[in-house]
Amino acid sequence: MSAAGIPGRILAFWSVMHDSIRSHCGGDARSASGVKMRGGWEEFELAWLAGQVDCLRERNAMNEILNVHVEVQVKPGMEEAFVAASGENARCSRMEPGVIRFDLLRDAELPGRFLLIEVYRNPAAAIAHKETAHYGTWRDTVAPMMAVPRVGRKYATLDSPDA
C-alpha cells in the first residue's frame, strides 16, 4: 500500500496514464474547469474517470474536421484567369474563423487541371464558407471557365497535426 491506502500497482498505473495523457496533450492536461493539472494523481484520476480531461475531448473533435477536395478542369486558355480568381478566394477563405487550411494546387503535368484542398474545423464551417461574398464571387466568376463540372469530395480527418 502507498499514499492514501492505494495499492502501489494502481498508483503506478495512474502515474503512467497521467504521463501518457500529458504527453499526448502536449504537456497541457486540463481539468474540465480549465484548471491546469499540477501532476497530482488524485486530480488526474478523478478527471479521467469523469471523462473530463479536456485535451482528449479536443482530440476527439478531430473527428469533426472536414476536408474537401475540389477537382477542377478549366477550358484551355482560361488557366490564368482561374488562378487569379481562385487565389483571391483562397486568401479570403483563409481568414474565415472556421477554415484551418485552404490550398490551390495545379497539376504538374496538365496545366488546366486544379485541386482545391479545403480544411474546415467542422461541417458547419464549410456551410458558412459557401455563404460568404467571396465564395459567391468566385463561384460566379469561374463557372464559365469550367471544361467539365467541378467535383467535390469530402473526407473525414483521422489524424492531423492541425487538430
N, C-alpha and C. Protein backbone atom coordinates (compact mmCIF):
# COMPACT_ATOMS: atom_id res chain seq x y z
N MET A 1 0.84 -1.19 0.00
CA MET A 1 0.00 0.00 0.00
C MET A 1 0.88 1.24 0.00
N SER A 2 0.36 2.26 -0.69
CA SER A 2 1.09 3.52 -0.73
C SER A 2 0.15 4.64 -0.33
N ALA A 3 0.40 5.81 -0.87
CA ALA A 3 -0.33 7.02 -0.49
C ALA A 3 -1.83 6.78 -0.38
N ALA A 4 -2.39 7.21 0.72
CA ALA A 4 -3.84 7.16 0.98
C ALA A 4 -4.41 5.76 0.87
N GLY A 5 -3.58 4.73 1.12
CA GLY A 5 -4.07 3.36 1.11
C GLY A 5 -4.29 2.79 -0.28
N ILE A 6 -3.77 3.43 -1.31
CA ILE A 6 -3.93 2.94 -2.69
C ILE A 6 -2.79 1.97 -2.98
N PRO A 7 -3.09 0.77 -3.48
CA PRO A 7 -2.02 -0.18 -3.82
C PRO A 7 -1.03 0.43 -4.81
N GLY A 8 0.23 0.09 -4.64
CA GLY A 8 1.30 0.64 -5.48
C GLY A 8 1.08 0.41 -6.96
N ARG A 9 0.56 -0.76 -7.34
CA ARG A 9 0.37 -1.03 -8.77
C ARG A 9 -0.68 -0.11 -9.38
N ILE A 10 -1.72 0.24 -8.62
CA ILE A 10 -2.74 1.17 -9.13
C ILE A 10 -2.16 2.57 -9.23
N LEU A 11 -1.41 2.95 -8.20
CA LEU A 11 -0.75 4.25 -8.22
C LEU A 11 0.20 4.34 -9.41
N ALA A 12 0.95 3.27 -9.67
CA ALA A 12 1.88 3.26 -10.81
C ALA A 12 1.11 3.36 -12.12
N PHE A 13 -0.02 2.64 -12.22
CA PHE A 13 -0.84 2.71 -13.43
C PHE A 13 -1.29 4.14 -13.71
N TRP A 14 -1.80 4.81 -12.68
CA TRP A 14 -2.29 6.17 -12.88
C TRP A 14 -1.16 7.13 -13.19
N SER A 15 0.01 6.86 -12.63
CA SER A 15 1.16 7.70 -12.93
C SER A 15 1.53 7.59 -14.40
N VAL A 16 1.57 6.35 -14.91
CA VAL A 16 1.88 6.12 -16.33
C VAL A 16 0.80 6.74 -17.21
N MET A 17 -0.48 6.52 -16.86
CA MET A 17 -1.57 7.08 -17.65
C MET A 17 -1.49 8.61 -17.66
N HIS A 18 -1.22 9.19 -16.50
CA HIS A 18 -1.13 10.65 -16.42
C HIS A 18 -0.03 11.16 -17.33
N ASP A 19 1.16 10.52 -17.27
CA ASP A 19 2.27 10.95 -18.12
C ASP A 19 1.93 10.77 -19.59
N SER A 20 1.26 9.67 -19.92
CA SER A 20 0.88 9.41 -21.30
C SER A 20 -0.08 10.47 -21.82
N ILE A 21 -1.09 10.79 -21.02
CA ILE A 21 -2.07 11.79 -21.43
C ILE A 21 -1.43 13.16 -21.52
N ARG A 22 -0.59 13.48 -20.55
CA ARG A 22 0.08 14.79 -20.59
C ARG A 22 0.94 14.89 -21.86
N SER A 23 1.62 13.79 -22.21
CA SER A 23 2.43 13.79 -23.42
C SER A 23 1.54 13.93 -24.65
N HIS A 24 0.45 13.18 -24.70
CA HIS A 24 -0.49 13.21 -25.82
C HIS A 24 -1.09 14.60 -25.99
N CYS A 25 -1.28 15.29 -24.88
CA CYS A 25 -1.92 16.60 -24.90
C CYS A 25 -0.90 17.73 -24.99
N GLY A 26 0.32 17.42 -25.35
CA GLY A 26 1.32 18.47 -25.45
C GLY A 26 1.72 19.01 -24.09
N GLY A 27 1.64 18.18 -23.05
CA GLY A 27 2.02 18.62 -21.72
C GLY A 27 1.04 19.57 -21.08
N ASP A 28 -0.17 19.62 -21.60
CA ASP A 28 -1.12 20.61 -21.11
C ASP A 28 -2.46 19.97 -20.78
N ALA A 29 -2.45 18.95 -19.92
CA ALA A 29 -3.71 18.35 -19.50
C ALA A 29 -4.43 19.32 -18.58
N ARG A 30 -5.71 19.50 -18.82
CA ARG A 30 -6.51 20.41 -18.01
C ARG A 30 -7.77 19.69 -17.54
N SER A 31 -8.23 20.09 -16.40
CA SER A 31 -9.49 19.54 -15.91
C SER A 31 -10.63 20.23 -16.65
N ALA A 32 -11.84 19.72 -16.49
CA ALA A 32 -12.99 20.31 -17.18
C ALA A 32 -13.20 21.76 -16.78
N SER A 33 -12.75 22.12 -15.60
CA SER A 33 -12.92 23.51 -15.15
C SER A 33 -11.90 24.43 -15.80
N GLY A 34 -10.97 23.85 -16.57
CA GLY A 34 -9.95 24.67 -17.22
C GLY A 34 -8.72 24.88 -16.37
N VAL A 35 -8.69 24.28 -15.18
CA VAL A 35 -7.54 24.42 -14.30
C VAL A 35 -6.46 23.45 -14.77
N LYS A 36 -5.27 23.98 -15.00
CA LYS A 36 -4.18 23.13 -15.45
C LYS A 36 -3.83 22.14 -14.35
N MET A 37 -3.73 20.86 -14.71
CA MET A 37 -3.42 19.85 -13.71
C MET A 37 -1.97 20.01 -13.26
N ARG A 38 -1.77 19.90 -11.98
CA ARG A 38 -0.45 20.11 -11.40
C ARG A 38 0.35 18.81 -11.33
N GLY A 39 -0.20 17.73 -11.79
CA GLY A 39 0.53 16.48 -11.76
C GLY A 39 0.11 15.55 -10.64
N GLY A 40 -0.80 15.96 -9.78
CA GLY A 40 -1.27 15.10 -8.71
C GLY A 40 -2.13 13.99 -9.27
N TRP A 41 -1.82 12.74 -8.89
CA TRP A 41 -2.54 11.63 -9.49
C TRP A 41 -4.01 11.62 -9.10
N GLU A 42 -4.34 12.10 -7.89
CA GLU A 42 -5.74 12.09 -7.46
C GLU A 42 -6.59 12.96 -8.38
N GLU A 43 -6.08 14.15 -8.67
CA GLU A 43 -6.81 15.08 -9.54
C GLU A 43 -6.98 14.48 -10.93
N PHE A 44 -5.89 13.90 -11.45
CA PHE A 44 -5.95 13.30 -12.77
C PHE A 44 -6.92 12.12 -12.80
N GLU A 45 -6.84 11.27 -11.77
CA GLU A 45 -7.72 10.09 -11.72
C GLU A 45 -9.19 10.51 -11.72
N LEU A 46 -9.53 11.48 -10.91
CA LEU A 46 -10.92 11.93 -10.86
C LEU A 46 -11.37 12.50 -12.20
N ALA A 47 -10.52 13.31 -12.82
CA ALA A 47 -10.87 13.89 -14.12
C ALA A 47 -10.98 12.81 -15.18
N TRP A 48 -10.04 11.86 -15.18
CA TRP A 48 -10.05 10.78 -16.16
C TRP A 48 -11.32 9.94 -16.02
N LEU A 49 -11.63 9.55 -14.80
CA LEU A 49 -12.81 8.71 -14.57
C LEU A 49 -14.10 9.43 -14.94
N ALA A 50 -14.12 10.74 -14.78
CA ALA A 50 -15.31 11.51 -15.10
C ALA A 50 -15.36 11.90 -16.58
N GLY A 51 -14.33 11.50 -17.34
CA GLY A 51 -14.29 11.86 -18.77
C GLY A 51 -14.08 13.34 -18.97
N GLN A 52 -13.33 13.94 -18.05
CA GLN A 52 -13.20 15.39 -18.09
C GLN A 52 -11.77 15.84 -18.34
N VAL A 53 -10.99 15.09 -19.08
CA VAL A 53 -9.67 15.55 -19.46
C VAL A 53 -9.85 16.24 -20.80
N ASP A 54 -9.83 17.58 -20.77
CA ASP A 54 -10.22 18.37 -21.93
C ASP A 54 -9.42 18.07 -23.18
N CYS A 55 -8.13 17.81 -23.07
CA CYS A 55 -7.36 17.58 -24.28
C CYS A 55 -7.86 16.36 -25.02
N LEU A 56 -8.40 15.37 -24.31
CA LEU A 56 -8.95 14.21 -25.00
C LEU A 56 -10.21 14.57 -25.75
N ARG A 57 -11.04 15.42 -25.16
CA ARG A 57 -12.23 15.87 -25.88
C ARG A 57 -11.82 16.66 -27.12
N GLU A 58 -10.76 17.48 -26.99
CA GLU A 58 -10.30 18.25 -28.14
C GLU A 58 -9.78 17.33 -29.23
N ARG A 59 -9.05 16.26 -28.87
CA ARG A 59 -8.57 15.31 -29.87
C ARG A 59 -9.75 14.61 -30.53
N ASN A 60 -10.80 14.31 -29.76
CA ASN A 60 -11.98 13.69 -30.36
C ASN A 60 -12.67 14.65 -31.32
N ALA A 61 -12.50 15.95 -31.11
CA ALA A 61 -13.08 16.94 -32.02
C ALA A 61 -12.45 16.83 -33.40
N MET A 62 -11.28 16.16 -33.49
CA MET A 62 -10.66 15.96 -34.79
C MET A 62 -11.61 15.26 -35.73
N ASN A 63 -12.47 14.41 -35.16
CA ASN A 63 -13.43 13.70 -35.99
C ASN A 63 -14.37 14.64 -36.71
N GLU A 64 -14.48 15.88 -36.25
CA GLU A 64 -15.35 16.85 -36.90
C GLU A 64 -14.65 17.61 -38.01
N ILE A 65 -13.32 17.59 -38.03
CA ILE A 65 -12.60 18.31 -39.07
C ILE A 65 -12.99 17.74 -40.42
N LEU A 66 -13.35 18.63 -41.33
CA LEU A 66 -13.81 18.22 -42.65
C LEU A 66 -12.82 18.68 -43.71
N ASN A 67 -12.36 17.75 -44.51
CA ASN A 67 -11.50 18.05 -45.65
C ASN A 67 -12.36 17.96 -46.90
N VAL A 68 -12.24 18.94 -47.75
CA VAL A 68 -12.95 18.92 -49.03
C VAL A 68 -11.91 19.09 -50.13
N HIS A 69 -11.89 18.16 -51.07
CA HIS A 69 -11.01 18.25 -52.22
C HIS A 69 -11.89 18.52 -53.43
N VAL A 70 -11.65 19.64 -54.08
CA VAL A 70 -12.44 20.02 -55.24
C VAL A 70 -11.57 19.90 -56.48
N GLU A 71 -11.95 19.00 -57.38
CA GLU A 71 -11.22 18.78 -58.62
C GLU A 71 -11.83 19.67 -59.70
N VAL A 72 -10.95 20.39 -60.40
CA VAL A 72 -11.41 21.35 -61.40
C VAL A 72 -10.63 21.15 -62.70
N GLN A 73 -11.33 21.16 -63.81
CA GLN A 73 -10.71 21.16 -65.13
C GLN A 73 -11.23 22.39 -65.86
N VAL A 74 -10.32 23.32 -66.21
CA VAL A 74 -10.76 24.55 -66.88
C VAL A 74 -10.51 24.46 -68.38
N LYS A 75 -11.23 25.29 -69.10
CA LYS A 75 -11.10 25.34 -70.55
C LYS A 75 -9.72 25.86 -70.93
N PRO A 76 -9.17 25.37 -72.04
CA PRO A 76 -7.87 25.87 -72.50
C PRO A 76 -7.90 27.39 -72.66
N GLY A 77 -6.84 28.04 -72.21
CA GLY A 77 -6.75 29.49 -72.30
C GLY A 77 -7.34 30.22 -71.10
N MET A 78 -8.03 29.50 -70.21
CA MET A 78 -8.67 30.12 -69.04
C MET A 78 -7.87 29.89 -67.76
N GLU A 79 -6.73 29.23 -67.88
CA GLU A 79 -5.97 28.82 -66.69
C GLU A 79 -5.57 30.00 -65.80
N GLU A 80 -5.01 31.04 -66.39
CA GLU A 80 -4.51 32.15 -65.57
C GLU A 80 -5.65 32.94 -64.94
N ALA A 81 -6.75 33.09 -65.65
CA ALA A 81 -7.91 33.76 -65.07
C ALA A 81 -8.46 32.94 -63.89
N PHE A 82 -8.45 31.62 -64.04
CA PHE A 82 -8.90 30.76 -62.95
C PHE A 82 -7.97 30.89 -61.75
N VAL A 83 -6.67 30.90 -61.99
CA VAL A 83 -5.69 31.04 -60.90
C VAL A 83 -5.90 32.37 -60.17
N ALA A 84 -6.13 33.44 -60.91
CA ALA A 84 -6.33 34.76 -60.28
C ALA A 84 -7.58 34.76 -59.40
N ALA A 85 -8.69 34.28 -59.94
CA ALA A 85 -9.95 34.26 -59.17
C ALA A 85 -9.85 33.31 -57.98
N SER A 86 -9.26 32.15 -58.19
CA SER A 86 -9.17 31.15 -57.13
C SER A 86 -8.17 31.56 -56.06
N GLY A 87 -7.10 32.23 -56.46
CA GLY A 87 -6.13 32.72 -55.48
C GLY A 87 -6.76 33.74 -54.54
N GLU A 88 -7.56 34.64 -55.10
CA GLU A 88 -8.25 35.64 -54.27
C GLU A 88 -9.24 34.95 -53.33
N ASN A 89 -9.98 33.98 -53.84
CA ASN A 89 -10.92 33.25 -53.00
C ASN A 89 -10.18 32.51 -51.88
N ALA A 90 -9.05 31.89 -52.20
CA ALA A 90 -8.28 31.16 -51.19
C ALA A 90 -7.78 32.09 -50.10
N ARG A 91 -7.25 33.25 -50.48
CA ARG A 91 -6.75 34.21 -49.48
C ARG A 91 -7.87 34.68 -48.56
N CYS A 92 -9.01 34.99 -49.12
CA CYS A 92 -10.15 35.42 -48.29
C CYS A 92 -10.66 34.27 -47.42
N SER A 93 -10.68 33.08 -47.97
CA SER A 93 -11.18 31.92 -47.23
C SER A 93 -10.31 31.62 -46.02
N ARG A 94 -9.00 31.79 -46.15
CA ARG A 94 -8.09 31.53 -45.03
C ARG A 94 -8.35 32.44 -43.84
N MET A 95 -9.04 33.54 -44.07
CA MET A 95 -9.34 34.48 -42.99
C MET A 95 -10.63 34.12 -42.25
N GLU A 96 -11.38 33.17 -42.76
CA GLU A 96 -12.61 32.74 -42.09
C GLU A 96 -12.25 31.99 -40.81
N PRO A 97 -12.99 32.22 -39.73
CA PRO A 97 -12.64 31.58 -38.46
C PRO A 97 -12.73 30.06 -38.48
N GLY A 98 -13.55 29.47 -39.32
CA GLY A 98 -13.70 28.02 -39.34
C GLY A 98 -12.80 27.31 -40.33
N VAL A 99 -11.95 28.08 -41.03
CA VAL A 99 -11.06 27.48 -42.03
C VAL A 99 -9.69 27.23 -41.40
N ILE A 100 -9.25 25.98 -41.47
CA ILE A 100 -7.92 25.62 -40.98
C ILE A 100 -6.90 25.79 -42.10
N ARG A 101 -7.29 25.42 -43.30
CA ARG A 101 -6.36 25.45 -44.44
C ARG A 101 -7.17 25.58 -45.72
N PHE A 102 -6.58 26.26 -46.70
CA PHE A 102 -7.25 26.42 -47.99
C PHE A 102 -6.14 26.55 -49.04
N ASP A 103 -5.94 25.51 -49.82
CA ASP A 103 -4.84 25.48 -50.79
C ASP A 103 -5.37 25.39 -52.22
N LEU A 104 -4.63 26.02 -53.12
CA LEU A 104 -4.90 25.95 -54.56
C LEU A 104 -3.70 25.25 -55.20
N LEU A 105 -3.94 24.11 -55.84
CA LEU A 105 -2.87 23.36 -56.48
C LEU A 105 -3.15 23.21 -57.97
N ARG A 106 -2.07 23.15 -58.75
CA ARG A 106 -2.18 22.92 -60.19
C ARG A 106 -1.47 21.61 -60.51
N ASP A 107 -2.09 20.81 -61.35
CA ASP A 107 -1.49 19.55 -61.79
C ASP A 107 -0.16 19.85 -62.48
N ALA A 108 0.88 19.12 -62.11
CA ALA A 108 2.22 19.36 -62.67
C ALA A 108 2.32 18.96 -64.14
N GLU A 109 1.43 18.10 -64.61
CA GLU A 109 1.50 17.62 -65.99
C GLU A 109 0.38 18.16 -66.87
N LEU A 110 -0.74 18.50 -66.28
CA LEU A 110 -1.88 19.02 -67.04
C LEU A 110 -2.22 20.40 -66.50
N PRO A 111 -1.76 21.47 -67.16
CA PRO A 111 -1.90 22.82 -66.61
C PRO A 111 -3.33 23.32 -66.47
N GLY A 112 -4.30 22.66 -67.07
CA GLY A 112 -5.69 23.08 -66.93
C GLY A 112 -6.43 22.35 -65.82
N ARG A 113 -5.72 21.48 -65.10
CA ARG A 113 -6.35 20.71 -64.02
C ARG A 113 -5.86 21.26 -62.67
N PHE A 114 -6.82 21.50 -61.78
CA PHE A 114 -6.52 22.09 -60.47
C PHE A 114 -7.18 21.28 -59.37
N LEU A 115 -6.66 21.49 -58.16
CA LEU A 115 -7.23 20.86 -56.98
C LEU A 115 -7.28 21.92 -55.88
N LEU A 116 -8.46 22.10 -55.31
CA LEU A 116 -8.62 22.95 -54.14
C LEU A 116 -8.68 22.02 -52.94
N ILE A 117 -7.84 22.27 -51.95
CA ILE A 117 -7.88 21.49 -50.72
C ILE A 117 -8.35 22.43 -49.63
N GLU A 118 -9.52 22.13 -49.09
CA GLU A 118 -10.16 22.98 -48.09
C GLU A 118 -10.31 22.17 -46.81
N VAL A 119 -9.83 22.72 -45.70
CA VAL A 119 -9.92 22.03 -44.42
C VAL A 119 -10.68 22.94 -43.45
N TYR A 120 -11.79 22.40 -42.95
CA TYR A 120 -12.68 23.16 -42.07
C TYR A 120 -12.70 22.55 -40.68
N ARG A 121 -12.88 23.38 -39.66
CA ARG A 121 -12.93 22.91 -38.27
C ARG A 121 -14.09 21.93 -38.05
N ASN A 122 -15.16 22.12 -38.81
CA ASN A 122 -16.33 21.26 -38.67
C ASN A 122 -17.22 21.47 -39.90
N PRO A 123 -18.20 20.62 -40.11
CA PRO A 123 -19.08 20.78 -41.27
C PRO A 123 -19.80 22.12 -41.31
N ALA A 124 -20.13 22.69 -40.16
CA ALA A 124 -20.80 24.00 -40.14
C ALA A 124 -19.92 25.08 -40.75
N ALA A 125 -18.62 24.98 -40.56
CA ALA A 125 -17.70 25.97 -41.14
C ALA A 125 -17.69 25.88 -42.67
N ALA A 126 -17.84 24.68 -43.20
CA ALA A 126 -17.91 24.51 -44.66
C ALA A 126 -19.19 25.14 -45.21
N ILE A 127 -20.27 24.99 -44.47
CA ILE A 127 -21.54 25.61 -44.88
C ILE A 127 -21.42 27.12 -44.82
N ALA A 128 -20.82 27.63 -43.75
CA ALA A 128 -20.64 29.08 -43.60
C ALA A 128 -19.77 29.64 -44.72
N HIS A 129 -18.77 28.88 -45.14
CA HIS A 129 -17.89 29.32 -46.23
C HIS A 129 -18.69 29.58 -47.51
N LYS A 130 -19.63 28.70 -47.80
CA LYS A 130 -20.41 28.85 -49.03
C LYS A 130 -21.40 30.00 -48.96
N GLU A 131 -21.55 30.61 -47.79
CA GLU A 131 -22.44 31.76 -47.64
C GLU A 131 -21.69 33.09 -47.70
N THR A 132 -20.37 33.04 -47.88
CA THR A 132 -19.58 34.28 -47.91
C THR A 132 -19.67 34.95 -49.27
N ALA A 133 -19.45 36.25 -49.27
CA ALA A 133 -19.47 37.02 -50.52
C ALA A 133 -18.34 36.58 -51.45
N HIS A 134 -17.16 36.33 -50.89
CA HIS A 134 -16.03 35.96 -51.76
C HIS A 134 -16.26 34.60 -52.43
N TYR A 135 -16.92 33.67 -51.74
CA TYR A 135 -17.22 32.39 -52.38
C TYR A 135 -18.21 32.60 -53.53
N GLY A 136 -19.25 33.39 -53.29
CA GLY A 136 -20.23 33.66 -54.34
C GLY A 136 -19.60 34.32 -55.56
N THR A 137 -18.71 35.26 -55.31
CA THR A 137 -17.99 35.93 -56.41
C THR A 137 -17.14 34.91 -57.17
N TRP A 138 -16.41 34.07 -56.43
CA TRP A 138 -15.57 33.06 -57.06
C TRP A 138 -16.42 32.10 -57.90
N ARG A 139 -17.48 31.58 -57.31
CA ARG A 139 -18.35 30.61 -58.00
C ARG A 139 -18.87 31.18 -59.31
N ASP A 140 -19.37 32.43 -59.26
CA ASP A 140 -19.93 33.05 -60.46
C ASP A 140 -18.85 33.39 -61.49
N THR A 141 -17.68 33.76 -61.02
CA THR A 141 -16.58 34.13 -61.92
C THR A 141 -16.03 32.92 -62.66
N VAL A 142 -15.84 31.80 -61.95
CA VAL A 142 -15.19 30.64 -62.57
C VAL A 142 -16.16 29.71 -63.29
N ALA A 143 -17.45 29.85 -63.07
CA ALA A 143 -18.42 28.94 -63.70
C ALA A 143 -18.24 28.84 -65.22
N PRO A 144 -18.08 29.96 -65.94
CA PRO A 144 -17.91 29.82 -67.40
C PRO A 144 -16.54 29.30 -67.82
N MET A 145 -15.62 29.19 -66.89
CA MET A 145 -14.27 28.69 -67.19
C MET A 145 -14.19 27.17 -67.15
N MET A 146 -15.19 26.52 -66.58
CA MET A 146 -15.14 25.07 -66.37
C MET A 146 -15.28 24.30 -67.67
N ALA A 147 -14.35 23.38 -67.91
CA ALA A 147 -14.44 22.48 -69.05
C ALA A 147 -15.46 21.38 -68.75
N VAL A 148 -15.51 20.98 -67.50
CA VAL A 148 -16.48 19.99 -67.00
C VAL A 148 -16.90 20.47 -65.61
N PRO A 149 -18.05 20.03 -65.13
CA PRO A 149 -18.45 20.45 -63.78
C PRO A 149 -17.39 20.04 -62.74
N ARG A 150 -17.13 20.93 -61.80
CA ARG A 150 -16.15 20.61 -60.76
C ARG A 150 -16.72 19.50 -59.86
N VAL A 151 -15.83 18.75 -59.25
CA VAL A 151 -16.21 17.62 -58.40
C VAL A 151 -15.63 17.85 -57.02
N GLY A 152 -16.50 17.87 -56.01
CA GLY A 152 -16.05 18.00 -54.62
C GLY A 152 -16.20 16.68 -53.89
N ARG A 153 -15.15 16.31 -53.18
CA ARG A 153 -15.19 15.09 -52.38
C ARG A 153 -14.88 15.45 -50.93
N LYS A 154 -15.67 14.90 -50.01
CA LYS A 154 -15.49 15.19 -48.58
C LYS A 154 -14.77 14.03 -47.92
N TYR A 155 -13.83 14.38 -47.05
CA TYR A 155 -13.05 13.38 -46.32
C TYR A 155 -13.11 13.69 -44.83
N ALA A 156 -13.25 12.65 -44.04
CA ALA A 156 -13.17 12.79 -42.58
C ALA A 156 -11.71 12.72 -42.18
N THR A 157 -11.32 13.49 -41.20
CA THR A 157 -9.93 13.51 -40.73
C THR A 157 -9.73 12.42 -39.69
N LEU A 158 -8.74 11.57 -39.93
CA LEU A 158 -8.42 10.51 -38.99
C LEU A 158 -7.23 10.89 -38.12
N ASP A 159 -6.28 11.64 -38.69
CA ASP A 159 -5.12 12.08 -37.94
C ASP A 159 -4.56 13.30 -38.63
N SER A 160 -4.24 14.33 -37.87
CA SER A 160 -3.74 15.57 -38.45
C SER A 160 -3.04 16.41 -37.40
N PRO A 161 -1.94 17.07 -37.78
CA PRO A 161 -1.31 18.00 -36.84
C PRO A 161 -2.13 19.27 -36.68
N ASP A 162 -3.11 19.49 -37.55
CA ASP A 162 -3.93 20.70 -37.48
C ASP A 162 -5.03 20.61 -36.44
N ALA A 163 -5.25 19.41 -35.91
CA ALA A 163 -6.36 19.24 -34.96
C ALA A 163 -6.02 19.81 -33.60
